[in-house]
């Protein structure tokens, strides 16, 4: 499954996305060039999207950990964890 943290977060006046080939993220205005500026409501929407993506990632990690524990208990050597 793709990592949900690698998705572009777009809240209208600005975007935050992973920088290709780097572990860093880059914030740009919607035009892709200027410095991001936004109203308070836009920053709140941005924070809400970050929290949503983080919650999705944590939930998938928890599912993967639970799957690993169940797999270890079963003793099967050929099973593949769909959450990793």
N, C-alpha and C. Protein backbone atom coordinates (compact mmCIF):
# COMPACT_ATOMS: atom_id res chain seq x y z
N UNK A 1 0.84 -1.17 0.00
CA UNK A 1 0.00 0.00 0.00
C UNK A 1 0.89 1.24 0.00
N UNK A 2 0.51 2.26 -0.74
CA UNK A 2 1.32 3.48 -0.75
C UNK A 2 1.24 4.21 0.59
N UNK A 3 2.31 4.88 0.92
CA UNK A 3 2.38 5.63 2.18
C UNK A 3 1.50 6.87 2.06
N UNK A 4 0.46 7.02 2.90
CA UNK A 4 -0.41 8.19 2.78
C UNK A 4 0.29 9.49 3.13
N UNK A 5 1.42 9.40 3.83
CA UNK A 5 2.16 10.62 4.16
C UNK A 5 2.84 11.21 2.95
N UNK A 6 2.94 10.46 1.85
CA UNK A 6 3.59 10.96 0.65
C UNK A 6 2.62 11.66 -0.29
N UNK A 7 1.39 11.85 0.11
CA UNK A 7 0.40 12.50 -0.74
C UNK A 7 0.49 14.02 -0.61
N UNK A 8 0.22 14.70 -1.70
CA UNK A 8 0.17 16.15 -1.72
C UNK A 8 -0.99 16.64 -0.87
N UNK A 9 -0.75 17.61 -0.02
CA UNK A 9 -1.81 18.23 0.78
C UNK A 9 -2.09 19.59 0.17
N UNK A 10 -3.27 19.75 -0.39
CA UNK A 10 -3.65 20.97 -1.09
C UNK A 10 -4.86 21.57 -0.38
N UNK A 11 -4.71 22.79 0.11
CA UNK A 11 -5.82 23.45 0.79
C UNK A 11 -6.29 24.70 0.05
N UNK A 12 -5.95 24.82 -1.20
CA UNK A 12 -6.40 25.96 -1.99
C UNK A 12 -5.28 26.94 -2.28
N UNK A 13 -5.03 27.89 -1.36
CA UNK A 13 -4.02 28.90 -1.66
C UNK A 13 -2.58 28.39 -1.60
N UNK A 14 -2.36 27.23 -0.97
CA UNK A 14 -1.01 26.67 -0.94
C UNK A 14 -1.08 25.15 -0.87
N UNK A 15 0.08 24.54 -1.15
CA UNK A 15 0.20 23.08 -1.17
C UNK A 15 1.45 22.69 -0.41
N UNK A 16 1.41 21.52 0.19
CA UNK A 16 2.58 20.95 0.85
C UNK A 16 2.74 19.56 0.28
N UNK A 17 3.91 19.28 -0.24
CA UNK A 17 4.14 17.97 -0.84
C UNK A 17 5.55 17.50 -0.65
N UNK A 18 5.77 16.18 -0.77
CA UNK A 18 7.13 15.65 -0.63
C UNK A 18 8.02 16.14 -1.76
N UNK A 19 9.26 16.43 -1.43
CA UNK A 19 10.24 16.85 -2.41
C UNK A 19 10.87 15.60 -3.00
N UNK A 20 10.77 15.42 -4.29
CA UNK A 20 11.28 14.21 -4.96
C UNK A 20 12.76 14.00 -4.64
N UNK A 21 13.09 12.79 -4.25
CA UNK A 21 14.47 12.43 -3.97
C UNK A 21 15.01 12.95 -2.66
N UNK A 22 14.14 13.46 -1.81
CA UNK A 22 14.57 14.02 -0.53
C UNK A 22 13.53 13.70 0.53
N UNK A 23 13.94 13.55 1.78
CA UNK A 23 12.96 13.28 2.83
C UNK A 23 12.22 14.56 3.26
N UNK A 24 12.58 15.70 2.66
CA UNK A 24 11.97 16.97 3.04
C UNK A 24 10.66 17.20 2.29
N UNK A 25 9.88 18.13 2.81
CA UNK A 25 8.63 18.55 2.17
C UNK A 25 8.79 19.99 1.73
N UNK A 26 8.00 20.37 0.73
CA UNK A 26 8.10 21.70 0.17
C UNK A 26 6.73 22.35 0.16
N UNK A 27 6.65 23.57 0.66
CA UNK A 27 5.40 24.33 0.64
C UNK A 27 5.49 25.36 -0.47
N UNK A 28 4.46 25.40 -1.29
CA UNK A 28 4.40 26.38 -2.39
C UNK A 28 2.99 26.94 -2.48
N UNK A 29 2.90 28.13 -3.02
CA UNK A 29 1.59 28.70 -3.29
C UNK A 29 0.95 27.95 -4.44
N UNK A 30 -0.32 28.13 -4.65
CA UNK A 30 -1.03 27.39 -5.70
C UNK A 30 -0.44 27.63 -7.09
N UNK A 31 0.17 28.78 -7.29
CA UNK A 31 0.78 29.04 -8.60
C UNK A 31 2.11 28.31 -8.77
N UNK A 32 2.60 27.66 -7.70
CA UNK A 32 3.82 26.86 -7.78
C UNK A 32 5.10 27.65 -7.66
N UNK A 33 5.01 28.97 -7.49
CA UNK A 33 6.21 29.79 -7.49
C UNK A 33 6.33 30.66 -6.24
N UNK A 34 5.30 31.39 -5.91
CA UNK A 34 5.40 32.39 -4.85
C UNK A 34 5.36 31.77 -3.45
N UNK A 35 5.67 32.59 -2.46
CA UNK A 35 5.65 32.17 -1.07
C UNK A 35 4.21 31.91 -0.64
N UNK A 36 3.96 30.81 0.07
CA UNK A 36 2.60 30.53 0.49
C UNK A 36 2.08 31.56 1.49
N UNK A 37 0.94 32.10 1.21
CA UNK A 37 0.23 32.97 2.15
C UNK A 37 -1.22 32.53 2.15
N UNK A 38 -1.84 32.64 3.31
CA UNK A 38 -3.22 32.17 3.42
C UNK A 38 -3.90 32.83 4.60
N UNK A 39 -5.21 32.75 4.61
CA UNK A 39 -6.00 33.24 5.72
C UNK A 39 -5.96 32.21 6.85
N UNK A 40 -6.37 32.62 8.02
CA UNK A 40 -6.38 31.74 9.18
C UNK A 40 -7.17 30.47 8.89
N UNK A 41 -8.31 30.59 8.26
CA UNK A 41 -9.14 29.41 7.95
C UNK A 41 -8.39 28.42 7.06
N UNK A 42 -7.55 28.92 6.16
CA UNK A 42 -6.77 28.02 5.30
C UNK A 42 -5.72 27.27 6.10
N UNK A 43 -5.09 27.96 7.06
CA UNK A 43 -4.10 27.28 7.90
C UNK A 43 -4.76 26.24 8.78
N UNK A 44 -5.97 26.54 9.25
CA UNK A 44 -6.71 25.56 10.06
C UNK A 44 -7.06 24.35 9.20
N UNK A 45 -7.52 24.59 7.97
CA UNK A 45 -7.83 23.48 7.06
C UNK A 45 -6.58 22.65 6.77
N UNK A 46 -5.45 23.32 6.62
CA UNK A 46 -4.20 22.62 6.40
C UNK A 46 -3.84 21.72 7.58
N UNK A 47 -3.94 22.27 8.78
CA UNK A 47 -3.63 21.49 9.99
C UNK A 47 -4.57 20.29 10.10
N UNK A 48 -5.82 20.50 9.75
CA UNK A 48 -6.80 19.40 9.81
C UNK A 48 -6.43 18.29 8.83
N UNK A 49 -5.98 18.65 7.62
CA UNK A 49 -5.57 17.64 6.63
C UNK A 49 -4.33 16.88 7.11
N UNK A 50 -3.38 17.59 7.72
CA UNK A 50 -2.19 16.93 8.24
C UNK A 50 -2.58 15.91 9.30
N UNK A 51 -3.49 16.30 10.19
CA UNK A 51 -3.93 15.37 11.23
C UNK A 51 -4.68 14.18 10.64
N UNK A 52 -5.46 14.39 9.58
CA UNK A 52 -6.17 13.28 8.93
C UNK A 52 -5.19 12.30 8.30
N UNK A 53 -4.20 12.81 7.60
CA UNK A 53 -3.20 11.94 6.97
C UNK A 53 -2.42 11.18 8.03
N UNK A 54 -2.06 11.86 9.12
CA UNK A 54 -1.35 11.20 10.20
C UNK A 54 -2.20 10.10 10.83
N UNK A 55 -3.49 10.34 11.00
CA UNK A 55 -4.38 9.32 11.58
C UNK A 55 -4.48 8.10 10.66
N UNK A 56 -4.55 8.33 9.35
CA UNK A 56 -4.59 7.22 8.39
C UNK A 56 -3.31 6.40 8.50
N UNK A 57 -2.17 7.09 8.55
CA UNK A 57 -0.89 6.39 8.63
C UNK A 57 -0.80 5.56 9.91
N UNK A 58 -1.19 6.16 11.04
CA UNK A 58 -1.12 5.44 12.32
C UNK A 58 -2.05 4.23 12.32
N UNK A 59 -3.21 4.37 11.71
CA UNK A 59 -4.16 3.25 11.65
C UNK A 59 -3.59 2.10 10.80
N UNK A 60 -2.97 2.43 9.68
CA UNK A 60 -2.36 1.39 8.84
C UNK A 60 -1.19 0.73 9.55
N UNK A 61 -0.40 1.52 10.26
CA UNK A 61 0.70 0.94 11.03
C UNK A 61 0.17 -0.02 12.09
N UNK A 62 -0.92 0.37 12.76
CA UNK A 62 -1.50 -0.50 13.80
C UNK A 62 -2.02 -1.79 13.17
N UNK A 63 -2.66 -1.68 12.00
CA UNK A 63 -3.13 -2.90 11.32
C UNK A 63 -1.96 -3.79 10.94
N UNK A 64 -0.89 -3.18 10.45
CA UNK A 64 0.29 -3.96 10.07
C UNK A 64 0.91 -4.65 11.27
N UNK A 65 0.98 -3.93 12.39
CA UNK A 65 1.54 -4.53 13.61
C UNK A 65 0.66 -5.69 14.09
N UNK A 66 -0.66 -5.51 14.05
CA UNK A 66 -1.58 -6.58 14.46
C UNK A 66 -1.43 -7.78 13.53
N UNK A 67 -1.29 -7.52 12.23
CA UNK A 67 -1.12 -8.61 11.27
C UNK A 67 0.17 -9.35 11.57
N UNK A 68 1.25 -8.61 11.84
CA UNK A 68 2.55 -9.24 12.17
C UNK A 68 2.43 -10.14 13.39
N UNK A 69 1.72 -9.67 14.41
CA UNK A 69 1.55 -10.47 15.62
C UNK A 69 0.75 -11.73 15.33
N UNK A 70 -0.30 -11.61 14.56
CA UNK A 70 -1.09 -12.79 14.19
C UNK A 70 -0.30 -13.76 13.34
N UNK A 71 0.48 -13.22 12.41
CA UNK A 71 1.31 -14.06 11.54
C UNK A 71 2.36 -14.81 12.37
N UNK A 72 2.98 -14.12 13.31
CA UNK A 72 3.99 -14.77 14.16
C UNK A 72 3.36 -15.89 14.98
N UNK A 73 2.13 -15.68 15.43
CA UNK A 73 1.45 -16.70 16.22
C UNK A 73 1.07 -17.91 15.37
N UNK A 74 0.79 -17.68 14.08
CA UNK A 74 0.37 -18.79 13.22
C UNK A 74 1.53 -19.69 12.81
N UNK A 75 2.74 -19.12 12.73
CA UNK A 75 3.90 -19.91 12.35
C UNK A 75 4.04 -20.13 10.85
N UNK A 76 3.16 -19.54 10.03
CA UNK A 76 3.23 -19.67 8.58
C UNK A 76 4.41 -18.85 8.05
N UNK A 77 5.19 -19.44 7.12
CA UNK A 77 6.37 -18.75 6.60
C UNK A 77 6.12 -18.08 5.25
N UNK A 78 5.03 -18.37 4.58
CA UNK A 78 4.82 -17.83 3.24
C UNK A 78 3.79 -16.70 3.15
N UNK A 79 3.26 -16.25 4.26
CA UNK A 79 2.26 -15.18 4.24
C UNK A 79 2.94 -13.82 4.04
N UNK A 80 2.26 -12.92 3.34
CA UNK A 80 2.78 -11.58 3.07
C UNK A 80 1.86 -10.56 3.73
N UNK A 81 2.44 -9.67 4.48
CA UNK A 81 1.66 -8.64 5.18
C UNK A 81 1.17 -7.60 4.16
N UNK A 82 -0.14 -7.46 3.95
CA UNK A 82 -0.65 -6.51 2.98
C UNK A 82 -0.54 -5.06 3.43
N UNK A 83 -0.21 -4.83 4.69
CA UNK A 83 -0.11 -3.47 5.21
C UNK A 83 1.31 -2.94 5.22
N UNK A 84 2.26 -3.71 4.73
CA UNK A 84 3.66 -3.26 4.70
C UNK A 84 4.11 -3.05 3.29
